[in-house]
């Protein structure tokens, strides 16, 4: 838990100026509560004795009460603001880290669990500033109560301290137990979220198969476990509450009993006894820290889960640019997941198809080739430069990726295609011809717009994009597209970005035969100056490639032209089985 506690401490420091406001209001409010019994006691004594200062003490009482209310009100506002600021900082840090690691993070953490950690868990950690500051402020009335009782009568202090020791032991035990239970509860939450995300991704398949009830049961498999942890947390809260609740009234009775005897002996006045009774309540108020301790326990457990993400090292980049070259790709002794001891040289400008049965390692090879995944052993070079030594900008300008199920990002269709290029297709604030509109898009004149359109033409997306209401400026959410049209935009994005190496991971699987042939002609025509690594399970795509890499069990089984490999029945069986 040390790393988790460090993360909690760092989050607290990110509370911003509102955290200081919360601390000041909490301290002032605590001192106001501490002063109130004394003021009330003196007021009672003045009223009983008929003193001339009774009105002054009544005014002082009113002022202390007003200060207490003002501190409480401002404290509520400050706690919310500081918590929001802390949560925002932590969530941004985690998201940046996760995106910096890349797709490798999902090999360890399911997507639903990642969302839970970055959402619910960071929110729980964000409540720590309020819990720590407000909880720590409870120490002031407790310490003040001890000092005040000592000034009134040391015997009353000794009685109070015994009870506070018991309360502190209860809180410590509760923190330890609650942290462990909260961690188990949050893990069960993450499990349910991961199953739910999987179910949502396959919603059409589930509906078509009529297995909604079965899938609902699968998603909620961890629900009994979640309930068990929730009940354990409730029992821990109840047990600690009963223990602390039993100590507090007994403590008050003991102190009042001792104080009553001292009053009867003439050693205390009525006002002092009243003040002592109030100070006992303030001193024993440490027991009300149970709620803050519970929040802190949940935050520590959440921090342990979030720290697992923070501890992952984002992908490091070098500073080297790419020298001039044709896009020669070399893999030397590469081991990565299912890939074993790969040694490949793909000459620049060639179109190379990667084929194999399901699980042969085709997509992993594509990920390693463009550095979406780093190999455990071995190196990957592009035009003689190891990929980790390249700067982020040089690598992403050189390599363009297209996937089977592309995710389109950006405000408009043009922005989705231009993603990752040097300049955006549109910038905030102007209209279609560069005029200010007050909107969210801007036309960028010049080469970039032409790059977007040329890439769309090569991907055979230009025709359907122009039919959209605003053409390339159509907002993505207002551009309904089929699976094949989305794939064509994904291809266009790769063509616009990859200046030297194009990696197509089954990126034409949803295209009709005619469109696929047109894209193939573009790959062998205007895009022939780039190296093309094409993962495919289609015979026609492999047949048009300059060369075929046949993977089997993570190794290269054969490498050559499609025509030469076709003589092998096992090679033909790869396509007959519909391997992807």
Protein backbone atom coordinates (compact mmCIF):
# COMPACT_ATOMS: atom_id res chain seq x y z
CA UNK A 1 0.00 0.00 0.00
CA UNK A 2 2.97 2.38 0.14
CA UNK A 3 2.76 3.21 -3.55
CA UNK A 4 -1.00 3.71 -3.20
CA UNK A 5 -0.50 6.03 -0.23
CA UNK A 6 2.03 8.06 -2.23
CA UNK A 7 -0.49 8.40 -5.03
CA UNK A 8 -3.13 9.53 -2.52
CA UNK A 9 -0.73 12.10 -1.09
CA UNK A 10 0.09 13.43 -4.57
CA UNK A 11 -3.61 13.68 -5.38
CA UNK A 12 -4.19 15.69 -2.21
CA UNK A 13 -1.47 18.15 -3.24
CA UNK A 14 -3.26 18.69 -6.54
CA UNK A 15 -6.36 20.04 -4.82
CA UNK A 16 -5.43 23.59 -5.85
CA UNK A 17 -6.31 26.80 -3.99
CA UNK A 18 -9.68 25.45 -2.88
CA UNK A 19 -7.85 22.91 -0.74
CA UNK A 20 -6.28 25.77 1.18
CA UNK A 21 -9.73 27.33 1.59
CA UNK A 22 -11.03 24.00 2.88
CA UNK A 23 -8.16 23.74 5.35
CA UNK A 24 -8.70 27.30 6.64
CA UNK A 25 -12.46 26.90 7.01
CA UNK A 26 -12.04 23.53 8.71
CA UNK A 27 -9.54 24.90 11.20
CA UNK A 28 -11.57 28.05 11.88
CA UNK A 29 -14.73 25.98 12.25
CA UNK A 30 -12.97 23.62 14.63
CA UNK A 31 -11.73 26.50 16.79
CA UNK A 32 -15.19 28.05 16.70
CA UNK A 33 -16.67 24.77 17.97
CA UNK A 34 -13.94 24.68 20.58
CA UNK A 35 -14.68 28.21 21.73
CA UNK A 36 -18.45 27.76 21.88
CA UNK A 37 -18.60 25.71 25.14
CA UNK A 38 -16.35 28.24 26.90
CA UNK A 39 -18.44 31.15 25.68
CA UNK A 40 -21.68 29.41 26.62
CA UNK A 41 -20.30 28.53 30.05
CA UNK A 42 -19.27 32.11 30.77
CA UNK A 43 -22.63 33.33 29.48
CA UNK A 44 -24.46 30.94 31.83
CA UNK A 45 -22.35 32.09 34.78
CA UNK A 46 -23.00 35.76 33.93
CA UNK A 47 -26.74 35.19 33.58
CA UNK A 48 -26.93 33.22 36.84
CA UNK A 49 -24.89 35.83 38.72
CA UNK A 50 -26.77 38.73 37.09
CA UNK A 51 -23.50 40.25 35.88
CA UNK A 52 -23.27 43.35 33.73
CA UNK A 53 -21.39 41.56 30.93
CA UNK A 54 -24.23 39.13 30.10
CA UNK A 55 -25.20 41.02 26.92
CA UNK A 56 -21.58 41.03 25.74
CA UNK A 57 -21.28 37.29 26.19
CA UNK A 58 -24.59 36.73 24.41
CA UNK A 59 -23.29 38.74 21.43
CA UNK A 60 -20.08 36.74 21.48
CA UNK A 61 -22.12 33.51 21.40
CA UNK A 62 -24.01 34.74 18.34
CA UNK A 63 -20.76 35.66 16.59
CA UNK A 64 -19.24 32.24 17.23
CA UNK A 65 -22.37 30.52 15.91
CA UNK A 66 -22.36 32.67 12.74
CA UNK A 67 -18.67 31.90 12.19
CA UNK A 68 -19.35 28.18 12.55
CA UNK A 69 -22.17 28.25 10.01
CA UNK A 70 -20.11 30.33 7.55
CA UNK A 71 -17.17 27.94 7.82
CA UNK A 72 -19.43 24.94 7.24
CA UNK A 73 -21.00 26.53 4.16
CA UNK A 74 -17.73 27.62 2.58
CA UNK A 75 -16.17 24.29 3.49
CA UNK A 76 -18.80 22.37 1.55
CA UNK A 77 -18.10 24.47 -1.56
CA UNK A 78 -14.33 24.16 -1.15
CA UNK A 79 -14.46 20.39 -0.63
CA UNK A 80 -16.40 19.89 -3.85
CA UNK A 81 -14.11 22.14 -5.86
CA UNK A 82 -10.86 20.68 -4.52
CA UNK A 83 -12.17 17.14 -5.02
CA UNK A 84 -13.14 17.87 -8.61
CA UNK A 85 -9.73 19.39 -9.30
CA UNK A 86 -7.90 16.44 -7.76
CA UNK A 87 -10.01 13.92 -9.67
CA UNK A 88 -9.47 15.79 -12.94
CA UNK A 89 -5.70 15.86 -12.46
CA UNK A 90 -5.52 12.17 -11.60
CA UNK A 91 -7.86 11.13 -14.41
CA UNK A 92 -5.85 13.11 -16.95
CA UNK A 93 -2.62 11.55 -15.69
CA UNK A 94 -4.03 8.04 -15.93
CA UNK A 95 -5.56 8.57 -19.36
CA UNK A 96 -2.32 10.02 -20.70
CA UNK A 97 -0.42 7.05 -19.28
CA UNK A 98 -2.81 4.46 -20.69
CA UNK A 99 -2.81 6.06 -24.14
CA UNK A 100 0.97 6.37 -23.97
CA UNK A 101 1.33 2.65 -23.32
CA UNK A 102 -0.87 1.80 -26.27
CA UNK A 103 -2.82 -1.37 -27.02
CA UNK A 104 -0.45 -3.48 -24.91
CA UNK A 105 -2.29 -2.24 -21.79
CA UNK A 106 -5.44 -4.16 -22.78
CA UNK A 107 -3.49 -7.42 -22.69
CA UNK A 108 -3.25 -7.02 -18.92
CA UNK A 109 -6.41 -5.08 -18.09
CA UNK A 110 -9.75 -5.68 -19.83
CA UNK A 111 -11.31 -2.56 -21.33
CA UNK A 112 -14.23 -2.47 -18.90
CA UNK A 113 -11.89 -2.77 -15.93
CA UNK A 114 -9.77 0.06 -17.36
CA UNK A 115 -12.84 2.28 -17.56
CA UNK A 116 -13.72 1.45 -13.94
CA UNK A 117 -10.23 2.29 -12.74
CA UNK A 118 -10.09 5.56 -14.70
CA UNK A 119 -13.66 6.53 -13.77
CA UNK A 120 -15.05 5.33 -10.46
CA UNK A 121 -11.72 4.66 -8.78
CA UNK A 122 -10.17 8.03 -9.64
CA UNK A 123 -13.37 9.69 -8.41
CA UNK A 124 -13.03 7.94 -5.05
CA UNK A 125 -9.43 9.08 -4.75
CA UNK A 126 -10.57 12.61 -5.57
CA UNK A 127 -12.59 12.68 -2.35
CA UNK A 128 -9.44 12.22 -0.27
CA UNK A 129 -8.64 15.95 0.20
CA UNK A 130 -12.01 16.51 1.86
CA UNK A 131 -11.73 13.37 3.98
CA UNK A 132 -8.19 14.09 5.15
CA UNK A 133 -8.62 17.80 5.84
CA UNK A 134 -12.04 17.50 7.47
CA UNK A 135 -11.03 14.38 9.38
CA UNK A 136 -7.79 15.96 10.53
CA UNK A 137 -9.70 19.03 11.69
CA UNK A 138 -11.51 16.80 14.19
CA UNK A 139 -8.23 16.54 16.07
CA UNK A 140 -8.44 20.24 16.96
CA UNK A 141 -11.63 19.98 19.04
CA UNK A 142 -10.32 16.77 20.58
CA UNK A 143 -6.98 18.31 21.55
CA UNK A 144 -8.68 21.52 22.63
CA UNK A 145 -11.14 19.54 24.71
CA UNK A 146 -8.29 17.80 26.48
CA UNK A 147 -6.53 21.10 27.18
CA UNK A 148 -9.72 22.81 28.34
CA UNK A 149 -10.66 19.94 30.65
CA UNK A 150 -7.15 20.00 32.06
CA UNK A 151 -7.59 23.67 32.90
CA UNK A 152 -10.98 22.94 34.47
CA UNK A 153 -9.99 19.78 36.32
CA UNK A 154 -7.14 17.30 35.45
CA UNK A 155 -9.19 14.41 36.80
CA UNK A 156 -11.75 14.96 34.02
CA UNK A 157 -8.92 14.89 31.45
CA UNK A 158 -7.69 11.49 32.59
CA UNK A 159 -11.19 10.06 32.21
CA UNK A 160 -11.48 11.46 28.66
CA UNK A 161 -8.06 10.20 27.51
CA UNK A 162 -8.89 6.60 28.43
CA UNK A 163 -11.95 6.70 26.19
CA UNK A 164 -10.07 8.38 23.31
CA UNK A 165 -7.47 5.61 23.29
CA UNK A 166 -10.25 3.04 22.86
CA UNK A 167 -11.82 5.08 20.03
CA UNK A 168 -8.45 5.41 18.25
CA UNK A 169 -7.95 1.63 18.36
CA UNK A 170 -11.40 1.12 16.86
CA UNK A 171 -10.64 3.56 14.00
CA UNK A 172 -7.28 1.95 13.23
CA UNK A 173 -8.76 -1.53 13.03
CA UNK A 174 -11.60 -0.23 10.88
CA UNK A 175 -9.18 1.42 8.40
CA UNK A 176 -7.21 -1.82 7.94
CA UNK A 177 -10.27 -4.03 7.47
CA UNK A 178 -12.15 -1.57 5.28
CA UNK A 179 -9.22 -1.06 2.91
CA UNK A 180 -9.02 -4.79 2.21
CA UNK A 181 -12.79 -5.17 1.76
CA UNK A 182 -13.02 -2.08 -0.46
CA UNK A 183 -10.28 -3.47 -2.72
CA UNK A 184 -12.21 -6.72 -3.20
CA UNK A 185 -15.43 -4.77 -3.86
CA UNK A 186 -13.77 -2.59 -6.50
CA UNK A 187 -12.22 -5.64 -8.18
CA UNK A 188 -15.67 -7.20 -8.48
CA UNK A 189 -16.97 -3.93 -9.96
CA UNK A 190 -14.20 -4.02 -12.55
CA UNK A 191 -15.03 -7.62 -13.43
CA UNK A 192 -18.68 -6.79 -14.07
CA UNK A 193 -17.70 -3.74 -16.14
CA UNK A 194 -15.31 -5.83 -18.26
CA UNK A 195 -18.02 -8.40 -18.97
CA UNK A 196 -20.51 -5.65 -19.79
CA UNK A 197 -18.18 -3.98 -22.30
CA UNK A 198 -17.66 -7.34 -24.02
CA UNK A 199 -21.41 -7.89 -24.16
CA UNK A 200 -22.04 -4.42 -25.62
CA UNK A 201 -19.40 -5.00 -28.28
CA UNK A 202 -21.20 -8.20 -29.30
CA UNK A 203 -24.75 -6.87 -28.89
CA UNK A 204 -25.75 -7.70 -32.48
CA UNK A 205 -24.41 -11.23 -32.21
CA UNK A 206 -26.23 -11.76 -28.92
CA UNK A 207 -29.49 -10.49 -30.39
CA UNK A 208 -29.12 -12.64 -33.48
CA UNK A 209 -28.39 -15.75 -31.42
CA UNK A 210 -31.21 -15.04 -28.96
CA UNK A 211 -28.87 -15.50 -25.98
CA UNK A 212 -29.66 -12.27 -24.11
CA UNK A 213 -30.69 -14.10 -20.92
CA UNK A 214 -27.58 -16.23 -20.94
CA UNK A 215 -25.38 -13.21 -21.58
CA UNK A 216 -27.06 -11.23 -18.81
CA UNK A 217 -26.29 -14.08 -16.42
CA UNK A 218 -22.67 -14.11 -17.59
CA UNK A 219 -22.28 -10.36 -17.08
CA UNK A 220 -23.77 -10.56 -13.59
CA UNK A 221 -21.76 -13.62 -12.55
CA UNK A 222 -19.76 -11.50 -10.12
CA UNK A 223 -22.87 -9.87 -8.62
CA UNK A 224 -23.16 -12.32 -5.67
CA UNK A 225 -19.48 -11.70 -4.93
CA UNK A 226 -20.08 -7.95 -5.13
CA UNK A 227 -22.98 -8.28 -2.71
CA UNK A 228 -20.86 -10.35 -0.34
CA UNK A 229 -18.16 -7.68 -0.27
CA UNK A 230 -20.77 -4.94 0.16
CA UNK A 231 -22.28 -6.80 3.12
CA UNK A 232 -18.82 -7.26 4.60
CA UNK A 233 -18.25 -3.52 4.31
CA UNK A 234 -21.61 -2.82 5.92
CA UNK A 235 -20.83 -5.19 8.79
CA UNK A 236 -17.41 -3.58 9.31
CA UNK A 237 -19.05 -0.14 9.41
CA UNK A 238 -21.75 -1.36 11.80
CA UNK A 239 -19.27 -3.10 14.06
CA UNK A 240 -16.98 -0.08 14.27
CA UNK A 241 -19.97 2.23 14.71
CA UNK A 242 -21.32 0.15 17.59
CA UNK A 243 -17.92 -0.04 19.24
CA UNK A 244 -17.29 3.69 18.96
CA UNK A 245 -20.90 4.47 19.79
CA UNK A 246 -20.71 2.41 22.96
CA UNK A 247 -17.55 4.16 24.12
CA UNK A 248 -18.80 7.72 23.58
CA UNK A 249 -21.89 7.72 25.85
CA UNK A 250 -20.08 5.72 28.53
CA UNK A 251 -17.27 8.25 28.35
CA UNK A 252 -19.69 11.17 28.69
CA UNK A 253 -21.43 9.54 31.66
CA UNK A 254 -18.09 8.87 33.35
CA UNK A 255 -16.86 12.44 32.90
CA UNK A 256 -20.18 13.93 34.00
CA UNK A 257 -20.22 11.63 37.01
CA UNK A 258 -16.77 12.76 38.07
CA UNK A 259 -17.68 16.37 37.32
CA UNK A 260 -20.87 16.07 39.38
CA UNK A 261 -18.90 14.88 42.39
CA UNK A 262 -16.47 17.77 41.95
CA UNK A 263 -19.43 20.19 41.71
CA UNK A 264 -20.95 18.79 44.88
CA UNK A 265 -17.59 19.23 46.62
CA UNK A 266 -17.55 22.87 45.56
CA UNK A 267 -14.53 22.45 43.27
CA UNK A 268 -16.51 23.33 40.10
CA UNK A 269 -19.08 25.96 39.22
CA UNK A 270 -22.26 25.22 37.26
CA UNK A 271 -20.82 26.99 34.22
CA UNK A 272 -17.61 25.01 34.43
CA UNK A 273 -19.58 21.75 34.65
CA UNK A 274 -21.59 22.76 31.58
CA UNK A 275 -18.40 23.66 29.72
CA UNK A 276 -16.84 20.35 30.78
CA UNK A 277 -19.85 18.47 29.44
CA UNK A 278 -19.54 20.25 26.11
CA UNK A 279 -15.80 19.62 25.91
CA UNK A 280 -16.35 15.95 26.54
CA UNK A 281 -18.69 15.88 23.53
CA UNK A 282 -16.08 17.68 21.42
CA UNK A 283 -13.27 15.45 22.62
CA UNK A 284 -15.27 12.30 22.00
CA UNK A 285 -16.16 13.71 18.54
CA UNK A 286 -13.16 11.78 17.28
CA UNK A 287 -15.58 8.89 17.01
CA UNK A 288 -17.44 10.75 14.24
CA UNK A 289 -14.33 10.34 12.09
CA UNK A 290 -15.63 6.88 11.21
CA UNK A 291 -17.17 8.14 7.96
CA UNK A 292 -13.98 9.91 6.92
CA UNK A 293 -11.93 6.83 7.73
CA UNK A 294 -14.29 4.75 5.58
CA UNK A 295 -13.80 7.13 2.65
CA UNK A 296 -10.06 7.05 3.16
CA UNK A 297 -10.12 3.24 3.17
CA UNK A 298 -12.00 3.16 -0.14
CA UNK A 299 -9.64 5.77 -1.58
CA UNK A 300 -6.56 3.74 -0.56
CA UNK A 301 -8.01 0.62 -2.13
CA UNK A 302 -8.86 2.57 -5.29
CA UNK A 303 -5.36 4.08 -5.33
CA UNK A 304 -3.86 0.60 -5.26
CA UNK A 305 -5.85 -0.25 -8.41
CA UNK A 306 -5.07 3.04 -10.15
CA UNK A 307 -1.40 2.79 -9.22
CA UNK A 308 -1.19 -0.42 -11.25
CA UNK A 309 -1.96 1.71 -14.30
CA UNK A 310 0.33 4.57 -13.27
CA UNK A 311 3.17 2.12 -12.64
CA UNK A 312 3.04 0.89 -16.24
CA UNK A 313 5.76 2.62 -18.23
CA UNK A 314 4.52 4.58 -21.23
CA UNK A 315 6.27 3.85 -24.49
CA UNK A 316 9.48 5.86 -24.71
CA UNK A 317 10.52 7.48 -27.96
CA UNK A 318 13.89 8.57 -29.20
CA UNK A 319 14.93 11.74 -30.97
CA UNK A 320 16.24 10.48 -34.30
CA UNK A 321 14.60 11.47 -37.57
CA UNK A 322 14.21 9.03 -40.42
CA UNK A 323 16.94 9.26 -43.04
CA UNK A 324 15.94 9.21 -46.70
CA UNK A 325 14.98 5.71 -47.76
CA UNK A 326 12.46 3.51 -49.55
CA UNK A 327 10.83 2.14 -46.38
CA UNK A 328 12.83 -1.06 -45.88
CA UNK A 329 11.48 -2.96 -42.86
CA UNK A 330 13.70 -5.41 -40.96
CA UNK A 331 12.80 -7.69 -38.06
CA UNK A 332 15.81 -9.26 -36.34
CA UNK A 333 15.29 -12.06 -33.82
CA UNK A 334 11.87 -10.74 -32.82
CA UNK A 335 10.01 -12.49 -29.99
CA UNK A 336 6.69 -10.96 -29.00
CA UNK A 337 3.78 -12.86 -27.52
CA UNK A 338 3.07 -15.61 -30.04
CA UNK A 339 5.85 -14.55 -32.44
CA UNK A 340 9.06 -16.50 -32.09
CA UNK A 341 12.50 -15.70 -33.49
CA UNK A 342 11.31 -13.79 -36.54
CA UNK A 343 13.97 -12.66 -38.99
CA UNK A 344 12.47 -10.80 -41.92
CA UNK A 345 13.58 -8.21 -44.44
CA UNK A 346 10.84 -6.47 -46.44
CA UNK A 347 12.39 -4.38 -49.21
CA UNK A 348 11.18 -0.82 -49.54
CA UNK A 349 8.33 -0.25 -51.94
CA UNK A 350 7.14 -3.85 -51.94
CA UNK A 351 3.59 -5.04 -51.25
CA UNK A 352 3.84 -7.98 -48.83
CA UNK A 353 0.82 -10.04 -47.81
CA UNK A 354 0.81 -11.78 -44.42
CA UNK A 355 -1.34 -14.91 -44.30
CA UNK A 356 -1.92 -17.76 -41.86
CA UNK A 357 -4.53 -19.51 -39.82
CA UNK A 358 -6.25 -17.82 -36.89
CA UNK A 359 -3.79 -17.37 -34.04
CA UNK A 360 -0.74 -17.60 -36.27
CA UNK A 361 0.42 -14.13 -35.16
CA UNK A 362 -0.51 -12.02 -38.20
CA UNK A 363 -2.01 -9.07 -36.30
CA UNK A 364 0.80 -9.23 -33.76
CA UNK A 365 3.35 -8.99 -36.56
CA UNK A 366 1.48 -5.96 -37.91
CA UNK A 367 1.51 -4.36 -34.44
CA UNK A 368 5.24 -5.00 -33.98
CA UNK A 369 6.09 -3.70 -37.45
CA UNK A 370 4.66 -0.24 -36.70
CA UNK A 371 5.57 -0.22 -33.01
CA UNK A 372 2.10 -0.49 -31.56
CA UNK A 373 3.69 -3.28 -29.53
CA UNK A 374 7.36 -3.60 -28.58
CA UNK A 375 8.91 -7.09 -28.84
CA UNK A 376 10.26 -8.77 -25.73
CA UNK A 377 13.43 -9.58 -27.62
CA UNK A 378 14.87 -8.50 -30.91
CA UNK A 379 14.66 -5.26 -32.84
CA UNK A 380 12.61 -3.75 -35.66
CA UNK A 381 14.29 -1.33 -38.08
CA UNK A 382 12.83 1.07 -40.61
CA UNK A 383 15.39 2.16 -43.18
CA UNK A 384 18.14 1.07 -40.83
CA UNK A 385 16.90 2.93 -37.73
CA UNK A 386 15.58 0.95 -34.72
CA UNK A 387 11.98 2.03 -34.15
CA UNK A 388 12.50 2.92 -30.42
CA UNK A 389 15.17 5.45 -31.47
CA UNK A 390 12.79 7.37 -33.71
CA UNK A 391 10.97 10.42 -32.42
CA UNK A 392 7.22 10.09 -32.01
CA UNK A 393 6.62 12.53 -34.87
CA UNK A 394 9.01 10.76 -37.24
CA UNK A 395 7.47 7.34 -36.53
CA UNK A 396 3.86 8.40 -36.87
CA UNK A 397 4.51 10.39 -40.04
CA UNK A 398 6.21 7.38 -41.58
CA UNK A 399 3.74 4.63 -40.61
CA UNK A 400 0.04 4.50 -41.47
CA UNK A 401 -2.28 1.89 -39.94
CA UNK A 402 -5.67 0.63 -41.12
CA UNK A 403 -7.66 -1.90 -39.12
CA UNK A 404 -10.54 -4.29 -39.67
CA UNK A 405 -12.84 -2.22 -37.41
CA UNK A 406 -11.53 1.34 -37.55
CA UNK A 407 -12.52 3.80 -34.84
CA UNK A 408 -13.10 7.21 -36.39
CA UNK A 409 -12.04 10.21 -34.30
CA UNK A 410 -12.55 13.88 -35.04
CA UNK A 411 -15.30 16.45 -35.42
CA UNK A 412 -15.78 15.95 -39.15
CA UNK A 413 -15.14 13.37 -41.84
CA UNK A 414 -12.15 15.39 -43.03
CA UNK A 415 -10.74 15.56 -39.50
CA UNK A 416 -11.14 11.79 -39.13
CA UNK A 417 -9.08 11.22 -42.28
CA UNK A 418 -6.49 13.86 -41.32
CA UNK A 419 -5.97 12.39 -37.82
CA UNK A 420 -2.24 12.05 -37.20
CA UNK A 421 -1.15 14.18 -40.15
CA UNK A 422 0.96 17.30 -39.68
CA UNK A 423 -1.94 19.78 -39.54
CA UNK A 424 -5.65 19.33 -38.94
CA UNK A 425 -8.07 19.38 -41.84
CA UNK A 426 -10.06 22.02 -40.00
CA UNK A 427 -9.34 24.32 -37.09
CA UNK A 428 -11.79 25.95 -34.71
CA UNK A 429 -13.58 29.11 -35.66
CA UNK A 430 -13.97 29.54 -39.42
CA UNK A 431 -16.21 28.37 -42.21
CA UNK A 432 -15.74 26.39 -45.37
CA UNK A 433 -13.68 29.08 -47.11
CA UNK A 434 -11.61 30.26 -44.17
CA UNK A 435 -14.12 32.83 -42.84
CA UNK A 436 -14.80 33.12 -39.13
CA UNK A 437 -18.08 31.45 -38.16
CA UNK A 438 -17.87 31.12 -34.38
CA UNK A 439 -18.30 27.38 -34.90
CA UNK A 440 -15.99 24.49 -34.20
CA UNK A 441 -14.32 23.94 -37.60
CA UNK A 442 -11.93 25.75 -39.88
CA UNK A 443 -10.85 25.11 -43.44
CA UNK A 444 -7.09 24.69 -43.71
CA UNK A 445 -6.08 25.88 -47.18
CA UNK A 446 -3.28 24.25 -49.10
CA UNK A 447 -1.63 20.88 -49.20
CA UNK A 448 -3.27 19.21 -46.22
CA UNK A 449 -6.77 19.42 -47.67
CA UNK A 450 -5.47 17.94 -50.91
CA UNK A 451 -3.77 15.12 -48.98
CA UNK A 452 -7.10 14.27 -47.36
CA UNK A 453 -8.94 14.19 -50.66
CA UNK A 454 -6.21 12.27 -52.45
CA UNK A 455 -6.19 9.68 -49.67
CA UNK A 456 -9.99 9.38 -49.84
CA UNK A 457 -9.82 8.89 -53.61
CA UNK A 458 -7.21 6.15 -53.22
CA UNK A 459 -9.41 4.43 -50.63
CA UNK A 460 -12.45 4.82 -52.88
CA UNK A 461 -14.17 6.93 -50.20
CA UNK A 462 -14.30 10.23 -52.08
CA UNK A 463 -17.52 9.42 -53.96
CA UNK A 464 -19.67 8.57 -50.94
CA UNK A 465 -18.14 11.37 -48.83
CA UNK A 466 -19.14 13.96 -51.43
CA UNK A 467 -22.72 12.68 -51.23
CA UNK A 468 -22.89 13.54 -47.52
CA UNK A 469 -24.81 16.73 -46.58
CA UNK A 470 -21.67 18.82 -46.07
CA UNK A 471 -19.22 16.60 -47.87
CA UNK A 472 -15.91 16.39 -46.04
CA UNK A 473 -17.17 18.91 -43.46
CA UNK A 474 -20.05 16.68 -42.37
CA UNK A 475 -19.91 16.01 -38.60
CA UNK A 476 -19.10 12.36 -37.94
CA UNK A 477 -22.20 11.82 -35.81
CA UNK A 478 -24.32 13.02 -38.74
CA UNK A 479 -22.66 10.73 -41.26
CA UNK A 480 -24.27 7.27 -41.11
CA UNK A 481 -21.92 4.73 -42.68
CA UNK A 482 -21.86 1.04 -43.43
CA UNK A 483 -19.03 -1.18 -42.25
CA UNK A 484 -17.40 -1.01 -45.67
CA UNK A 485 -17.60 2.79 -45.76
CA UNK A 486 -16.01 3.03 -42.33
CA UNK A 487 -13.23 0.74 -43.54
CA UNK A 488 -12.66 3.00 -46.53
CA UNK A 489 -12.30 6.03 -44.23
CA UNK A 490 -9.89 4.00 -42.10
CA UNK A 491 -7.87 3.21 -45.22
CA UNK A 492 -7.93 6.89 -46.24
CA UNK A 493 -6.62 7.86 -42.81
CA UNK A 494 -3.74 5.40 -43.19
CA UNK A 495 -2.95 6.62 -46.72
CA UNK A 496 -2.91 10.25 -45.54
CA UNK A 497 -0.61 9.50 -42.62
CA UNK A 498 1.82 6.78 -43.70
CA UNK A 499 4.45 8.41 -45.88
CA UNK A 500 6.79 5.42 -45.94
CA UNK A 501 5.07 2.29 -44.54
CA UNK A 502 1.43 1.24 -44.76
CA UNK A 503 0.20 -1.54 -42.49
CA UNK A 504 -3.25 -2.88 -43.34
CA UNK A 505 -4.53 -5.35 -40.76
CA UNK A 506 -7.41 -7.12 -42.53
CA UNK A 507 -8.50 -3.60 -43.47
CA UNK A 508 -10.45 -4.59 -46.61
CA UNK A 509 -12.49 -7.45 -45.13
CA UNK A 510 -15.79 -5.51 -45.31
CA UNK A 511 -15.29 -4.18 -48.84
CA UNK A 512 -17.18 -5.61 -51.77
CA UNK A 513 -15.14 -7.35 -54.47
CA UNK A 514 -15.20 -4.44 -56.91
CA UNK A 515 -14.12 -1.86 -54.30
CA UNK A 516 -11.42 -4.17 -52.99
CA UNK A 517 -9.97 -4.49 -56.48
CA UNK A 518 -10.03 -0.72 -56.89
CA UNK A 519 -8.19 -0.26 -53.60
CA UNK A 520 -5.71 -2.96 -54.66
CA UNK A 521 -5.05 -1.01 -57.87
CA UNK A 522 -4.40 2.13 -55.80
CA UNK A 523 -1.97 0.21 -53.60
CA UNK A 524 -0.06 -0.98 -56.66
CA UNK A 525 -0.46 2.36 -58.44
CA UNK A 526 -0.23 5.77 -56.76
CA UNK A 527 0.83 4.21 -53.44
CA UNK A 528 3.52 1.93 -54.87
CA UNK A 529 6.28 4.22 -53.55
CA UNK A 530 5.46 3.05 -50.00
CA UNK A 531 6.13 -0.29 -48.37
CA UNK A 532 2.83 -2.11 -47.86
CA UNK A 533 2.37 -4.83 -45.22
CA UNK A 534 -1.09 -6.35 -45.75
CA UNK A 535 -2.61 -8.84 -43.31
CA UNK A 536 -5.28 -10.73 -45.21
CA UNK A 537 -7.25 -13.95 -45.50
CA UNK A 538 -8.40 -13.33 -49.08
CA UNK A 539 -6.82 -15.15 -51.99
CA UNK A 540 -7.23 -12.20 -54.35
CA UNK A 541 -5.32 -9.85 -52.04
CA UNK A 542 -2.47 -12.31 -51.56
CA UNK A 543 -2.32 -12.93 -55.31
CA UNK A 544 -1.71 -9.24 -56.09
CA UNK A 545 1.10 -8.89 -53.54
CA UNK A 546 4.75 -8.87 -54.61
CA UNK A 547 5.49 -11.37 -51.89
CA UNK A 548 3.67 -13.49 -49.30
CA UNK A 549 4.78 -14.24 -45.73
CA UNK A 550 3.09 -17.41 -44.50
CA UNK A 551 2.94 -17.56 -40.70
CA UNK A 552 2.29 -20.76 -38.79
CA UNK A 553 2.42 -20.95 -35.00
CA UNK A 554 4.24 -17.64 -34.67
CA UNK A 555 7.00 -18.60 -37.10
CA UNK A 556 7.56 -17.99 -40.79
CA UNK A 557 6.65 -21.24 -42.50
CA UNK A 558 7.38 -20.00 -45.99
CA UNK A 559 8.03 -16.81 -47.91
CA UNK A 560 7.65 -16.28 -51.60
CA UNK A 561 5.23 -15.43 -54.38
CA UNK A 562 1.60 -16.44 -54.07
CA UNK A 563 1.86 -18.43 -57.31
CA UNK A 564 4.78 -20.49 -56.00
CA UNK A 565 3.19 -21.11 -52.59
CA UNK A 566 -0.14 -22.11 -54.11
CA UNK A 567 1.33 -25.47 -55.10
CA UNK A 568 1.43 -26.43 -51.41
CA UNK A 569 -1.93 -27.93 -50.28
CA UNK A 570 -1.36 -26.67 -46.74
CA UNK A 571 -1.04 -23.13 -48.07
CA UNK A 572 -4.29 -23.48 -50.01
CA UNK A 573 -5.95 -24.82 -46.86
CA UNK A 574 -5.20 -21.53 -45.08
CA UNK A 575 -7.67 -19.74 -47.35
CA UNK A 576 -10.14 -22.59 -47.53
CA UNK A 577 -10.43 -22.51 -43.74
CA UNK A 578 -11.16 -18.76 -43.91
CA UNK A 579 -8.33 -17.90 -41.55
CA UNK A 580 -8.32 -14.28 -40.46
